[in-house]
């Protein structure tokens, strides 16, 4: 009787439920991670590094590493490309180191870059220091991948950087005609609003790429609150846009870090800054690119390959 009673009780007793094993019983295909989990497990976005190799102002007397001739520019860009840059922002110079907008020089530079930096995104400058009026866009017909486009005027250290609406519209029209993607150079908050308006009415079609330029004397200073508001404004007006920033002079490293840590892209190079620190000249464009790439490692962001950069910006792939 005792035996039968114990057996009956054992049969009726429920086995304690294990709270540690139940997830294993759910097929993996049916488990949907929470939004928070997705954010923590998602791969960080690749960071595009643009190298501005020469510019219009720095000369050999300022830093012997500044590339002036087309040959020097190609060699300097190749080293920067190997260090991690996927965009080259290029000006050309005359033999006396003064700025030029000569399409023939741009053509030779493009040929050399395509040969020695296959796949790299070539971006020509249409900036106002190299020429006047439509002369500034004479190289667009060469069909680089990209060209800079300032959509408004602002003060520079000793003059007004003039970008009248009719010239801006003409440059944008040339870029549409020749399938060149603009990089919007925003020296002021109004330039972001203007670029968004031009995107809405298709004067600048497609996905915008906006660069904040900070640290030019008499223009927008390097200010973290302004930087954050620039990002907020881009995300509000053109939520599918990509953005980057350039810091001038001593502010280059600061802007590199702000961009990389905030999920944007970044620009470096001897055009904007010729030093590693107060006492040390940058030995090359590649050294400045490496410094930006090191920041990407610090913030656990992969440096974008040229293939990734083209995909991010909506540019066609080219055979390497």
Protein backbone atom coordinates (compact mmCIF):
# COMPACT_ATOMS: atom_id res chain seq x y z
CA UNK A 1 0.00 0.00 0.00
CA UNK A 2 2.79 2.36 0.94
CA UNK A 3 4.56 1.54 -2.32
CA UNK A 4 1.42 2.19 -4.38
CA UNK A 5 0.82 5.50 -2.60
CA UNK A 6 4.37 6.75 -3.24
CA UNK A 7 4.20 5.70 -6.90
CA UNK A 8 0.91 7.53 -7.33
CA UNK A 9 2.32 10.69 -5.80
CA UNK A 10 5.43 10.53 -8.03
CA UNK A 11 3.26 10.19 -11.13
CA UNK A 12 1.20 13.23 -10.17
CA UNK A 13 4.12 15.46 -9.23
CA UNK A 14 5.06 18.05 -11.91
CA UNK A 15 8.70 18.37 -12.85
CA UNK A 16 10.06 21.83 -11.95
CA UNK A 17 10.30 24.09 -15.02
CA UNK A 18 13.82 25.11 -16.02
CA UNK A 19 14.18 28.85 -16.71
CA UNK A 20 17.58 28.49 -18.34
CA UNK A 21 16.78 26.05 -21.08
CA UNK A 22 13.67 27.46 -22.75
CA UNK A 23 15.39 29.68 -25.37
CA UNK A 24 17.11 26.61 -26.79
CA UNK A 25 13.71 25.13 -27.60
CA UNK A 26 12.75 28.04 -29.89
CA UNK A 27 13.95 27.75 -33.48
CA UNK A 28 16.51 30.43 -34.28
CA UNK A 29 14.50 31.45 -37.33
CA UNK A 30 11.64 32.54 -35.04
CA UNK A 31 13.74 34.76 -32.75
CA UNK A 32 13.57 38.42 -33.76
CA UNK A 33 16.17 40.62 -31.99
CA UNK A 34 14.98 43.79 -30.32
CA UNK A 35 15.86 47.17 -31.76
CA UNK A 36 18.41 47.67 -28.99
CA UNK A 37 19.99 44.32 -29.79
CA UNK A 38 20.19 45.19 -33.47
CA UNK A 39 21.99 48.41 -32.66
CA UNK A 40 24.55 46.65 -30.50
CA UNK A 41 25.19 43.85 -32.95
CA UNK A 42 25.11 45.84 -36.21
CA UNK A 43 28.43 46.34 -37.93
CA UNK A 44 29.60 49.96 -37.72
CA UNK A 45 29.35 51.87 -41.00
CA UNK A 46 32.55 52.22 -43.03
CA UNK A 47 34.12 55.68 -42.94
CA UNK A 48 35.10 57.32 -46.22
CA UNK A 49 38.41 59.20 -45.99
CA UNK A 50 38.88 61.99 -48.52
CA UNK A 51 42.39 63.35 -49.06
CA UNK A 52 42.69 66.95 -50.30
CA UNK A 53 46.17 66.73 -51.72
CA UNK A 54 47.19 70.25 -52.80
CA UNK A 55 44.64 73.06 -52.64
CA UNK A 56 45.32 76.57 -53.87
CA UNK A 57 47.34 78.08 -51.03
CA UNK A 58 50.11 75.96 -49.43
CA UNK A 59 53.46 76.06 -51.18
CA UNK A 60 56.76 74.23 -50.98
CA UNK A 61 58.13 76.96 -48.75
CA UNK A 62 55.38 76.14 -46.25
CA UNK A 63 55.91 72.39 -46.44
CA UNK A 64 58.16 70.65 -49.01
CA UNK A 65 55.74 67.70 -49.06
CA UNK A 66 52.98 69.71 -50.79
CA UNK A 67 52.62 68.15 -54.27
CA UNK A 68 52.60 70.78 -57.03
CA UNK A 69 53.33 69.12 -60.36
CA UNK A 70 50.98 66.51 -61.81
CA UNK A 71 53.64 63.83 -61.28
CA UNK A 72 54.02 64.79 -57.63
CA UNK A 73 50.26 64.83 -57.19
CA UNK A 74 49.84 61.33 -58.62
CA UNK A 75 52.65 59.95 -56.46
CA UNK A 76 51.28 61.61 -53.31
CA UNK A 77 47.76 60.41 -54.03
CA UNK A 78 48.90 56.84 -54.65
CA UNK A 79 50.53 56.72 -51.22
CA UNK A 80 47.40 58.22 -49.62
CA UNK A 81 45.22 55.71 -51.49
CA UNK A 82 47.30 52.85 -50.12
CA UNK A 83 46.97 54.35 -46.62
CA UNK A 84 43.17 54.27 -46.81
CA UNK A 85 41.87 57.29 -48.72
CA UNK A 86 39.08 56.46 -51.17
CA UNK A 87 38.41 60.00 -52.48
CA UNK A 88 41.00 62.44 -53.81
CA UNK A 89 40.02 66.12 -53.86
CA UNK A 90 42.25 67.81 -56.41
CA UNK A 91 43.29 71.27 -57.55
CA UNK A 92 46.00 71.91 -60.12
CA UNK A 93 48.86 74.43 -60.07
CA UNK A 94 50.98 76.36 -62.52
CA UNK A 95 54.75 75.90 -62.56
CA UNK A 96 55.15 78.93 -60.29
CA UNK A 97 52.82 77.22 -57.75
CA UNK A 98 49.94 79.64 -58.34
CA UNK A 99 46.47 78.06 -58.65
CA UNK A 100 45.15 77.10 -62.08
CA UNK A 101 41.91 75.93 -63.64
CA UNK A 102 43.57 74.67 -66.84
CA UNK A 103 41.52 71.69 -68.14
CA UNK A 104 44.62 70.25 -69.78
CA UNK A 105 46.36 69.95 -66.42
CA UNK A 106 43.25 68.36 -64.92
CA UNK A 107 43.15 65.91 -67.84
CA UNK A 108 46.73 64.79 -67.23
CA UNK A 109 46.06 64.45 -63.53
CA UNK A 110 42.94 62.37 -64.13
CA UNK A 111 44.83 60.07 -66.50
CA UNK A 112 47.60 59.52 -63.95
CA UNK A 113 45.20 58.92 -61.07
CA UNK A 114 43.13 56.40 -63.01
CA UNK A 115 46.30 54.51 -63.91
CA UNK A 116 47.99 54.48 -60.50
CA UNK A 117 44.97 54.61 -58.15
CA UNK A 118 42.44 52.38 -59.93
CA UNK A 119 38.95 52.64 -58.47
CA UNK A 120 39.68 55.69 -56.33
CA UNK A 121 37.00 58.40 -56.52
CA UNK A 122 38.37 61.44 -58.36
CA UNK A 123 36.91 64.74 -57.26
CA UNK A 124 37.93 68.01 -58.95
CA UNK A 125 37.65 71.39 -57.29
CA UNK A 126 35.55 74.15 -58.81
CA UNK A 127 36.65 76.54 -56.06
CA UNK A 128 36.93 80.28 -56.58
CA UNK A 129 40.65 80.69 -55.91
CA UNK A 130 41.55 78.87 -59.13
CA UNK A 131 39.54 80.93 -61.60
CA UNK A 132 36.60 83.23 -62.16
CA UNK A 133 33.08 82.63 -63.49
CA UNK A 134 32.56 79.67 -65.79
CA UNK A 135 36.32 79.15 -65.97
CA UNK A 136 35.90 77.43 -62.61
CA UNK A 137 33.93 74.59 -64.24
CA UNK A 138 36.04 74.07 -67.34
CA UNK A 139 37.21 70.66 -66.14
CA UNK A 140 33.74 69.21 -65.50
CA UNK A 141 33.53 68.00 -69.12
CA UNK A 142 36.40 65.62 -68.31
CA UNK A 143 33.83 63.63 -66.31
CA UNK A 144 35.55 63.07 -62.99
CA UNK A 145 33.52 61.03 -60.56
CA UNK A 146 32.77 64.10 -58.45
CA UNK A 147 33.33 67.85 -58.26
CA UNK A 148 33.03 70.29 -55.40
CA UNK A 149 30.08 72.68 -55.45
CA UNK A 150 29.69 75.68 -53.17
CA UNK A 151 26.05 76.74 -53.29
CA UNK A 152 26.39 80.12 -51.58
CA UNK A 153 28.80 82.95 -50.77
CA UNK A 154 30.65 83.67 -47.53
CA UNK A 155 33.63 85.55 -46.15
CA UNK A 156 37.18 84.27 -46.46
CA UNK A 157 40.20 85.64 -44.57
CA UNK A 158 40.81 88.58 -46.94
CA UNK A 159 37.92 88.56 -49.40
CA UNK A 160 34.42 87.39 -50.17
CA UNK A 161 34.13 83.90 -51.62
CA UNK A 162 31.57 84.70 -54.30
CA UNK A 163 29.16 82.04 -55.51
CA UNK A 164 26.30 83.93 -57.16
CA UNK A 165 23.11 81.94 -57.86
CA UNK A 166 23.50 82.00 -61.65
CA UNK A 167 27.03 80.55 -61.44
CA UNK A 168 25.93 77.90 -58.93
CA UNK A 169 23.07 76.88 -61.24
CA UNK A 170 25.43 76.71 -64.23
CA UNK A 171 27.96 74.56 -62.38
CA UNK A 172 25.18 72.24 -61.21
CA UNK A 173 23.84 72.03 -64.75
CA UNK A 174 27.29 71.09 -66.11
CA UNK A 175 27.56 68.36 -63.48
CA UNK A 176 24.18 66.95 -64.47
CA UNK A 177 25.12 67.04 -68.16
CA UNK A 178 28.37 65.18 -67.63
CA UNK A 179 27.13 62.81 -64.90
CA UNK A 180 29.42 64.26 -62.22
CA UNK A 181 28.28 63.94 -58.59
CA UNK A 182 28.55 67.20 -56.62
CA UNK A 183 30.10 67.36 -53.19
CA UNK A 184 28.32 70.22 -51.42
CA UNK A 185 30.81 72.43 -49.60
CA UNK A 186 28.85 74.04 -46.78
CA UNK A 187 30.63 77.02 -45.23
CA UNK A 188 27.42 78.20 -43.58
CA UNK A 189 24.11 76.79 -42.34
CA UNK A 190 22.27 78.48 -45.21
CA UNK A 191 24.32 76.39 -47.65
CA UNK A 192 22.79 73.19 -46.25
CA UNK A 193 19.30 74.64 -46.72
CA UNK A 194 20.15 75.73 -50.27
CA UNK A 195 21.54 72.33 -51.18
CA UNK A 196 18.36 70.67 -49.85
CA UNK A 197 16.22 73.04 -51.95
CA UNK A 198 18.29 72.27 -55.06
CA UNK A 199 17.90 68.57 -54.33
CA UNK A 200 14.12 68.90 -54.07
CA UNK A 201 13.79 70.68 -57.42
CA UNK A 202 16.30 68.30 -59.06
CA UNK A 203 18.98 70.85 -59.82
CA UNK A 204 21.13 68.52 -57.73
CA UNK A 205 19.51 65.11 -58.25
CA UNK A 206 20.12 61.94 -56.31
CA UNK A 207 21.69 61.31 -52.94
CA UNK A 208 23.42 64.37 -51.50
CA UNK A 209 26.96 64.37 -50.12
CA UNK A 210 27.42 67.39 -47.85
CA UNK A 211 30.72 68.54 -46.42
CA UNK A 212 30.85 70.97 -43.50
CA UNK A 213 33.88 73.28 -43.80
CA UNK A 214 34.86 74.69 -40.42
CA UNK A 215 37.76 76.79 -39.24
CA UNK A 216 38.20 79.20 -42.17
CA UNK A 217 38.91 82.65 -40.75
CA UNK A 218 35.84 84.93 -40.97
CA UNK A 219 33.62 81.98 -41.84
CA UNK A 220 32.16 79.24 -39.63
CA UNK A 221 34.41 78.55 -36.63
CA UNK A 222 35.03 75.12 -35.15
CA UNK A 223 32.18 74.82 -32.65
CA UNK A 224 30.79 71.51 -31.41
CA UNK A 225 27.26 72.80 -30.93
CA UNK A 226 27.22 74.11 -34.51
CA UNK A 227 28.68 70.85 -35.80
CA UNK A 228 25.97 68.84 -34.06
CA UNK A 229 23.28 71.17 -35.38
CA UNK A 230 24.67 70.80 -38.92
CA UNK A 231 24.22 67.04 -38.60
CA UNK A 232 20.72 67.47 -37.20
CA UNK A 233 19.81 69.83 -40.05
CA UNK A 234 21.07 67.44 -42.74
CA UNK A 235 19.19 64.54 -41.17
CA UNK A 236 16.01 66.61 -40.98
CA UNK A 237 16.09 68.14 -44.47
CA UNK A 238 17.69 65.30 -46.46
CA UNK A 239 17.58 62.19 -44.29
CA UNK A 240 19.14 59.94 -46.93
CA UNK A 241 22.19 62.21 -47.40
CA UNK A 242 25.75 61.34 -46.43
CA UNK A 243 27.89 63.95 -44.69
CA UNK A 244 31.50 64.66 -43.86
CA UNK A 245 33.52 67.60 -42.57
CA UNK A 246 36.84 69.35 -43.08
CA UNK A 247 38.71 71.23 -40.36
CA UNK A 248 41.19 73.87 -41.43
CA UNK A 249 44.70 74.13 -39.99
CA UNK A 250 45.06 73.06 -36.38
CA UNK A 251 41.40 72.01 -36.36
CA UNK A 252 41.83 69.18 -38.86
CA UNK A 253 42.37 66.45 -36.27
CA UNK A 254 39.49 67.75 -34.15
CA UNK A 255 37.04 67.54 -37.07
CA UNK A 256 38.42 64.13 -38.05
CA UNK A 257 37.59 62.84 -34.58
CA UNK A 258 34.17 64.48 -34.41
CA UNK A 259 33.17 63.03 -37.78
CA UNK A 260 34.42 59.53 -37.15
CA UNK A 261 32.96 59.28 -33.66
CA UNK A 262 29.60 60.67 -34.86
CA UNK A 263 29.13 58.25 -37.75
CA UNK A 264 30.06 60.55 -40.64
CA UNK A 265 32.90 60.61 -43.12
CA UNK A 266 36.00 62.78 -42.98
CA UNK A 267 38.50 64.81 -44.98
CA UNK A 268 42.20 65.30 -44.40
CA UNK A 269 45.23 66.31 -46.46
CA UNK A 270 47.83 69.01 -47.01
CA UNK A 271 45.35 71.41 -48.65
CA UNK A 272 43.74 72.05 -45.27
CA UNK A 273 46.64 71.49 -42.88
CA UNK A 274 50.39 71.11 -43.32
CA UNK A 275 51.29 69.95 -39.79
CA UNK A 276 51.01 66.93 -37.54
CA UNK A 277 51.33 69.24 -34.53
CA UNK A 278 52.60 72.70 -33.69
CA UNK A 279 56.25 71.68 -34.10
CA UNK A 280 56.07 68.98 -36.77
CA UNK A 281 55.34 69.32 -40.47
CA UNK A 282 53.30 66.51 -41.98
CA UNK A 283 55.71 64.41 -44.05
CA UNK A 284 53.05 63.50 -46.62
CA UNK A 285 49.36 63.33 -47.41
CA UNK A 286 49.57 59.63 -46.56
CA UNK A 287 50.66 60.47 -43.00
CA UNK A 288 47.52 62.56 -42.49
CA UNK A 289 45.37 59.79 -43.96
CA UNK A 290 46.98 57.29 -41.59
CA UNK A 291 46.14 59.55 -38.67
CA UNK A 292 42.47 59.53 -39.73
CA UNK A 293 42.58 55.76 -40.24
CA UNK A 294 43.96 55.35 -36.71
CA UNK A 295 40.95 57.29 -35.41
CA UNK A 296 38.68 54.88 -37.28
CA UNK A 297 40.35 52.04 -35.42
CA UNK A 298 39.93 53.88 -32.12
CA UNK A 299 36.19 54.23 -32.69
CA UNK A 300 35.87 50.72 -34.18
CA UNK A 301 34.82 51.89 -37.62
CA UNK A 302 36.24 50.21 -40.71
CA UNK A 303 37.95 52.45 -43.25
CA UNK A 304 35.86 52.34 -46.42
CA UNK A 305 37.41 50.65 -49.41
CA UNK A 306 37.01 52.36 -52.76
CA UNK A 307 34.30 49.83 -53.60
CA UNK A 308 32.40 50.60 -50.40
CA UNK A 309 32.82 54.34 -50.90
CA UNK A 310 31.34 54.12 -54.38
CA UNK A 311 28.42 52.07 -53.10
CA UNK A 312 27.76 54.51 -50.23
CA UNK A 313 27.78 57.52 -52.56
CA UNK A 314 25.85 55.84 -55.37
CA UNK A 315 28.73 55.94 -57.84
CA UNK A 316 29.30 53.23 -60.44
CA UNK A 317 31.98 50.67 -59.77
CA UNK A 318 35.04 50.73 -61.97
CA UNK A 319 37.37 47.88 -62.75
CA UNK A 320 40.52 48.08 -60.65
